[in-house]
Amino acid sequence: MFTREVINDLREIFDSVCRDFEAELVEFDGEDDHVHLLVNYPPKVAISVLVNSLKGVSSRMIRKKAYPSVQKKLWGSALWSPSYFAGSCGGAPIGIIREYIEQQQTPP
């Protein structure tokens, strides 16, 4: 569903949303059916609010572009499933997390 072009658009959208929350998109990549984000965000931001905004804004903007690969795979009219996983990586070296995200099988 996600082509390289869609992944590149998502990167720009997520970066913009993060800046709105005074957060930093440290690393981003994805595969054809999911994405990984490494985000540094301030403690005043609730992760659920940030994720809801990332998913909502990106869904609207990507659906607006009407990519054929995405149109065929929408969850009804939604781009994302209603769930997400968020984990803390406070003890892990950022380089290791960044390397994991970079090794995703980005679509051609």
N, C-alpha and C. Protein backbone atom coordinates (compact mmCIF):
# COMPACT_ATOMS: atom_id res chain seq x y z
N MET A 1 0.81 -1.19 0.00
CA MET A 1 0.00 0.00 0.00
C MET A 1 0.86 1.26 0.00
N PHE A 2 1.93 1.28 0.79
CA PHE A 2 2.79 2.45 0.82
C PHE A 2 3.93 2.30 -0.18
N THR A 3 3.96 3.18 -1.14
CA THR A 3 5.05 3.23 -2.10
C THR A 3 6.11 4.18 -1.54
N ARG A 4 7.25 4.25 -2.19
CA ARG A 4 8.30 5.19 -1.76
C ARG A 4 7.75 6.62 -1.76
N GLU A 5 6.94 6.96 -2.77
CA GLU A 5 6.37 8.30 -2.85
C GLU A 5 5.47 8.60 -1.65
N VAL A 6 4.64 7.63 -1.26
CA VAL A 6 3.76 7.82 -0.10
C VAL A 6 4.60 7.94 1.17
N ILE A 7 5.61 7.09 1.31
CA ILE A 7 6.51 7.14 2.48
C ILE A 7 7.17 8.52 2.58
N ASN A 8 7.62 9.05 1.45
CA ASN A 8 8.25 10.38 1.45
C ASN A 8 7.26 11.47 1.86
N ASP A 9 6.02 11.37 1.38
CA ASP A 9 5.00 12.34 1.79
C ASP A 9 4.70 12.22 3.28
N LEU A 10 4.61 10.98 3.77
CA LEU A 10 4.35 10.77 5.19
C LEU A 10 5.46 11.38 6.04
N ARG A 11 6.71 11.24 5.60
CA ARG A 11 7.84 11.81 6.34
C ARG A 11 7.65 13.33 6.51
N GLU A 12 7.29 14.00 5.44
CA GLU A 12 7.08 15.45 5.51
C GLU A 12 5.91 15.81 6.41
N ILE A 13 4.82 15.05 6.31
CA ILE A 13 3.64 15.31 7.13
C ILE A 13 3.96 15.10 8.60
N PHE A 14 4.59 13.97 8.92
CA PHE A 14 4.93 13.67 10.31
C PHE A 14 5.90 14.70 10.88
N ASP A 15 6.86 15.13 10.08
CA ASP A 15 7.81 16.14 10.54
C ASP A 15 7.08 17.44 10.88
N SER A 16 6.14 17.83 10.05
CA SER A 16 5.38 19.05 10.28
C SER A 16 4.52 18.95 11.54
N VAL A 17 3.84 17.82 11.72
CA VAL A 17 3.01 17.63 12.91
C VAL A 17 3.89 17.65 14.16
N CYS A 18 5.03 16.99 14.11
CA CYS A 18 5.93 16.98 15.26
C CYS A 18 6.36 18.41 15.63
N ARG A 19 6.70 19.20 14.64
CA ARG A 19 7.09 20.60 14.91
C ARG A 19 5.95 21.36 15.58
N ASP A 20 4.70 21.10 15.18
CA ASP A 20 3.55 21.75 15.81
C ASP A 20 3.46 21.44 17.30
N PHE A 21 3.98 20.27 17.69
CA PHE A 21 3.95 19.83 19.09
C PHE A 21 5.27 20.11 19.81
N GLU A 22 6.15 20.88 19.16
CA GLU A 22 7.49 21.15 19.70
C GLU A 22 8.24 19.84 19.93
N ALA A 23 8.00 18.89 19.04
CA ALA A 23 8.65 17.59 19.08
C ALA A 23 9.58 17.48 17.88
N GLU A 24 10.41 16.45 17.88
CA GLU A 24 11.36 16.24 16.79
C GLU A 24 11.18 14.84 16.22
N LEU A 25 10.97 14.75 14.91
CA LEU A 25 10.95 13.46 14.23
C LEU A 25 12.41 13.08 14.01
N VAL A 26 12.93 12.22 14.86
CA VAL A 26 14.34 11.85 14.84
C VAL A 26 14.64 10.89 13.70
N GLU A 27 13.75 9.93 13.50
CA GLU A 27 13.93 8.94 12.43
C GLU A 27 12.56 8.47 11.98
N PHE A 28 12.45 8.14 10.69
CA PHE A 28 11.19 7.64 10.14
C PHE A 28 11.51 6.74 8.95
N ASP A 29 10.79 5.65 8.86
CA ASP A 29 10.80 4.81 7.66
C ASP A 29 9.59 3.89 7.74
N GLY A 30 9.35 3.18 6.68
CA GLY A 30 8.20 2.29 6.67
C GLY A 30 8.36 1.21 5.64
N GLU A 31 7.45 0.27 5.72
CA GLU A 31 7.36 -0.80 4.73
C GLU A 31 6.06 -0.62 3.98
N ASP A 32 5.67 -1.61 3.21
CA ASP A 32 4.48 -1.40 2.38
C ASP A 32 3.18 -1.37 3.19
N ASP A 33 3.21 -1.79 4.46
CA ASP A 33 1.97 -1.83 5.22
C ASP A 33 2.05 -1.22 6.62
N HIS A 34 3.18 -0.62 6.99
CA HIS A 34 3.29 0.03 8.30
C HIS A 34 4.48 0.98 8.32
N VAL A 35 4.53 1.80 9.35
CA VAL A 35 5.62 2.77 9.49
C VAL A 35 6.17 2.73 10.91
N HIS A 36 7.41 3.21 11.06
CA HIS A 36 8.06 3.36 12.36
C HIS A 36 8.51 4.81 12.49
N LEU A 37 8.25 5.40 13.64
CA LEU A 37 8.68 6.76 13.93
C LEU A 37 9.46 6.75 15.24
N LEU A 38 10.55 7.46 15.25
CA LEU A 38 11.29 7.73 16.48
C LEU A 38 11.12 9.22 16.73
N VAL A 39 10.42 9.55 17.82
CA VAL A 39 10.04 10.93 18.09
C VAL A 39 10.55 11.33 19.47
N ASN A 40 11.18 12.47 19.53
CA ASN A 40 11.57 13.08 20.79
C ASN A 40 10.54 14.17 21.06
N TYR A 41 9.75 13.97 22.12
CA TYR A 41 8.69 14.94 22.40
C TYR A 41 8.77 15.41 23.85
N PRO A 42 8.31 16.63 24.11
CA PRO A 42 8.40 17.19 25.47
C PRO A 42 7.42 16.50 26.42
N PRO A 43 7.75 16.46 27.71
CA PRO A 43 6.90 15.79 28.68
C PRO A 43 5.49 16.38 28.81
N LYS A 44 5.32 17.64 28.40
CA LYS A 44 3.99 18.25 28.49
C LYS A 44 3.02 17.70 27.44
N VAL A 45 3.52 16.95 26.46
CA VAL A 45 2.68 16.40 25.39
C VAL A 45 2.27 14.96 25.75
N ALA A 46 0.98 14.70 25.73
CA ALA A 46 0.48 13.34 25.94
C ALA A 46 0.71 12.54 24.66
N ILE A 47 1.31 11.37 24.80
CA ILE A 47 1.61 10.56 23.61
C ILE A 47 0.35 10.24 22.82
N SER A 48 -0.77 10.00 23.51
CA SER A 48 -2.01 9.68 22.80
C SER A 48 -2.48 10.85 21.94
N VAL A 49 -2.28 12.07 22.41
CA VAL A 49 -2.67 13.26 21.65
C VAL A 49 -1.76 13.42 20.43
N LEU A 50 -0.47 13.22 20.64
CA LEU A 50 0.48 13.33 19.53
C LEU A 50 0.19 12.27 18.46
N VAL A 51 0.01 11.03 18.87
CA VAL A 51 -0.26 9.96 17.91
C VAL A 51 -1.58 10.21 17.18
N ASN A 52 -2.60 10.64 17.90
CA ASN A 52 -3.88 10.92 17.27
C ASN A 52 -3.72 12.00 16.19
N SER A 53 -2.94 13.01 16.47
CA SER A 53 -2.71 14.07 15.49
C SER A 53 -1.89 13.56 14.31
N LEU A 54 -0.82 12.79 14.59
CA LEU A 54 -0.01 12.23 13.50
C LEU A 54 -0.87 11.38 12.57
N LYS A 55 -1.70 10.53 13.14
CA LYS A 55 -2.55 9.66 12.32
C LYS A 55 -3.65 10.43 11.61
N GLY A 56 -4.28 11.36 12.31
CA GLY A 56 -5.39 12.10 11.71
C GLY A 56 -4.96 13.00 10.56
N VAL A 57 -3.92 13.79 10.80
CA VAL A 57 -3.44 14.71 9.77
C VAL A 57 -2.92 13.93 8.56
N SER A 58 -2.11 12.90 8.81
CA SER A 58 -1.55 12.13 7.69
C SER A 58 -2.64 11.41 6.91
N SER A 59 -3.65 10.90 7.60
CA SER A 59 -4.74 10.23 6.91
C SER A 59 -5.47 11.19 5.97
N ARG A 60 -5.80 12.35 6.47
CA ARG A 60 -6.50 13.33 5.62
C ARG A 60 -5.66 13.74 4.42
N MET A 61 -4.39 14.01 4.66
CA MET A 61 -3.54 14.52 3.58
C MET A 61 -3.23 13.43 2.54
N ILE A 62 -2.98 12.22 2.97
CA ILE A 62 -2.67 11.14 2.02
C ILE A 62 -3.93 10.73 1.25
N ARG A 63 -5.07 10.66 1.91
CA ARG A 63 -6.32 10.33 1.20
C ARG A 63 -6.66 11.41 0.18
N LYS A 64 -6.35 12.66 0.50
CA LYS A 64 -6.62 13.77 -0.41
C LYS A 64 -5.82 13.62 -1.72
N LYS A 65 -4.62 13.06 -1.63
CA LYS A 65 -3.79 12.87 -2.82
C LYS A 65 -4.27 11.69 -3.67
N ALA A 66 -5.12 10.85 -3.13
CA ALA A 66 -5.76 9.74 -3.86
C ALA A 66 -4.77 8.82 -4.56
N TYR A 67 -3.73 8.41 -3.85
CA TYR A 67 -2.80 7.43 -4.41
C TYR A 67 -3.56 6.13 -4.70
N PRO A 68 -3.45 5.59 -5.91
CA PRO A 68 -4.17 4.34 -6.23
C PRO A 68 -3.81 3.19 -5.28
N SER A 69 -2.54 3.07 -4.91
CA SER A 69 -2.13 1.97 -4.03
C SER A 69 -2.77 2.09 -2.65
N VAL A 70 -3.05 3.31 -2.23
CA VAL A 70 -3.66 3.54 -0.92
C VAL A 70 -5.17 3.38 -1.01
N GLN A 71 -5.78 3.91 -2.06
CA GLN A 71 -7.23 3.87 -2.21
C GLN A 71 -7.77 2.44 -2.12
N LYS A 72 -7.02 1.48 -2.66
CA LYS A 72 -7.47 0.08 -2.67
C LYS A 72 -7.43 -0.56 -1.29
N LYS A 73 -6.63 -0.02 -0.37
CA LYS A 73 -6.38 -0.69 0.90
C LYS A 73 -6.89 0.05 2.13
N LEU A 74 -7.69 1.09 1.94
CA LEU A 74 -8.17 1.86 3.09
C LEU A 74 -9.02 0.99 4.02
N TRP A 75 -8.97 1.30 5.31
CA TRP A 75 -9.82 0.65 6.32
C TRP A 75 -11.16 1.39 6.30
N GLY A 76 -12.03 1.04 5.39
CA GLY A 76 -13.24 1.83 5.19
C GLY A 76 -12.81 3.13 4.55
N SER A 77 -12.92 4.23 5.29
CA SER A 77 -12.42 5.50 4.77
C SER A 77 -11.18 5.96 5.52
N ALA A 78 -10.65 5.10 6.40
CA ALA A 78 -9.50 5.48 7.22
C ALA A 78 -8.20 4.89 6.67
N LEU A 79 -7.13 5.64 6.80
CA LEU A 79 -5.82 5.17 6.37
C LEU A 79 -5.21 4.23 7.40
N TRP A 80 -5.38 4.55 8.68
CA TRP A 80 -4.74 3.80 9.76
C TRP A 80 -5.75 2.95 10.53
N SER A 81 -5.27 1.86 11.09
CA SER A 81 -6.10 1.10 12.03
C SER A 81 -6.24 1.95 13.29
N PRO A 82 -7.21 1.64 14.13
CA PRO A 82 -7.41 2.46 15.32
C PRO A 82 -6.34 2.24 16.40
N SER A 83 -5.47 1.28 16.24
CA SER A 83 -4.48 0.98 17.27
C SER A 83 -3.10 1.52 16.90
N TYR A 84 -2.20 1.52 17.88
CA TYR A 84 -0.81 1.90 17.66
C TYR A 84 0.02 1.33 18.79
N PHE A 85 1.32 1.27 18.59
CA PHE A 85 2.25 0.87 19.63
C PHE A 85 3.19 2.02 19.90
N ALA A 86 3.35 2.37 21.15
CA ALA A 86 4.32 3.39 21.55
C ALA A 86 5.16 2.80 22.67
N GLY A 87 6.45 2.89 22.52
CA GLY A 87 7.35 2.38 23.54
C GLY A 87 8.42 3.40 23.85
N SER A 88 8.91 3.37 25.07
CA SER A 88 9.98 4.25 25.48
C SER A 88 11.31 3.60 25.17
N CYS A 89 12.26 4.38 24.75
CA CYS A 89 13.60 3.84 24.48
C CYS A 89 14.64 4.60 25.28
N GLY A 90 14.24 5.06 26.47
CA GLY A 90 15.11 5.86 27.30
C GLY A 90 16.45 5.22 27.61
N GLY A 91 16.50 3.90 27.78
CA GLY A 91 17.76 3.24 28.12
C GLY A 91 18.57 2.78 26.93
N ALA A 92 17.94 2.67 25.78
CA ALA A 92 18.63 2.17 24.58
C ALA A 92 19.37 3.31 23.89
N PRO A 93 20.54 3.02 23.35
CA PRO A 93 21.23 4.06 22.57
C PRO A 93 20.41 4.44 21.34
N ILE A 94 20.28 5.73 21.11
CA ILE A 94 19.50 6.23 19.97
C ILE A 94 20.01 5.61 18.67
N GLY A 95 21.30 5.41 18.54
CA GLY A 95 21.87 4.83 17.32
C GLY A 95 21.29 3.47 17.00
N ILE A 96 21.04 2.65 18.01
CA ILE A 96 20.47 1.32 17.81
C ILE A 96 19.03 1.42 17.32
N ILE A 97 18.25 2.30 17.92
CA ILE A 97 16.86 2.50 17.50
C ILE A 97 16.83 3.05 16.08
N ARG A 98 17.67 4.02 15.81
CA ARG A 98 17.74 4.63 14.48
C ARG A 98 18.10 3.57 13.43
N GLU A 99 19.06 2.72 13.74
CA GLU A 99 19.49 1.65 12.82
C GLU A 99 18.34 0.69 12.53
N TYR A 100 17.58 0.33 13.55
CA TYR A 100 16.43 -0.57 13.37
C TYR A 100 15.43 0.05 12.39
N ILE A 101 15.12 1.32 12.57
CA ILE A 101 14.15 1.99 11.70
C ILE A 101 14.69 2.11 10.28
N GLU A 102 15.97 2.44 10.15
CA GLU A 102 16.57 2.58 8.82
C GLU A 102 16.57 1.26 8.05
N GLN A 103 16.56 0.13 8.76
CA GLN A 103 16.63 -1.17 8.10
C GLN A 103 15.28 -1.69 7.64
N GLN A 104 14.23 -0.88 7.74
CA GLN A 104 12.93 -1.30 7.24
C GLN A 104 13.01 -1.48 5.72
N GLN A 105 12.21 -2.36 5.22
CA GLN A 105 12.21 -2.66 3.79
C GLN A 105 11.35 -1.63 3.04
N THR A 106 11.89 -0.43 2.89
CA THR A 106 11.18 0.64 2.22
C THR A 106 10.82 0.21 0.80
N PRO A 107 9.55 0.40 0.41
CA PRO A 107 9.12 0.00 -0.93
C PRO A 107 9.93 0.73 -2.02
N PRO A 108 10.09 0.08 -3.16
CA PRO A 108 10.80 0.72 -4.27
C PRO A 108 10.02 1.87 -4.88
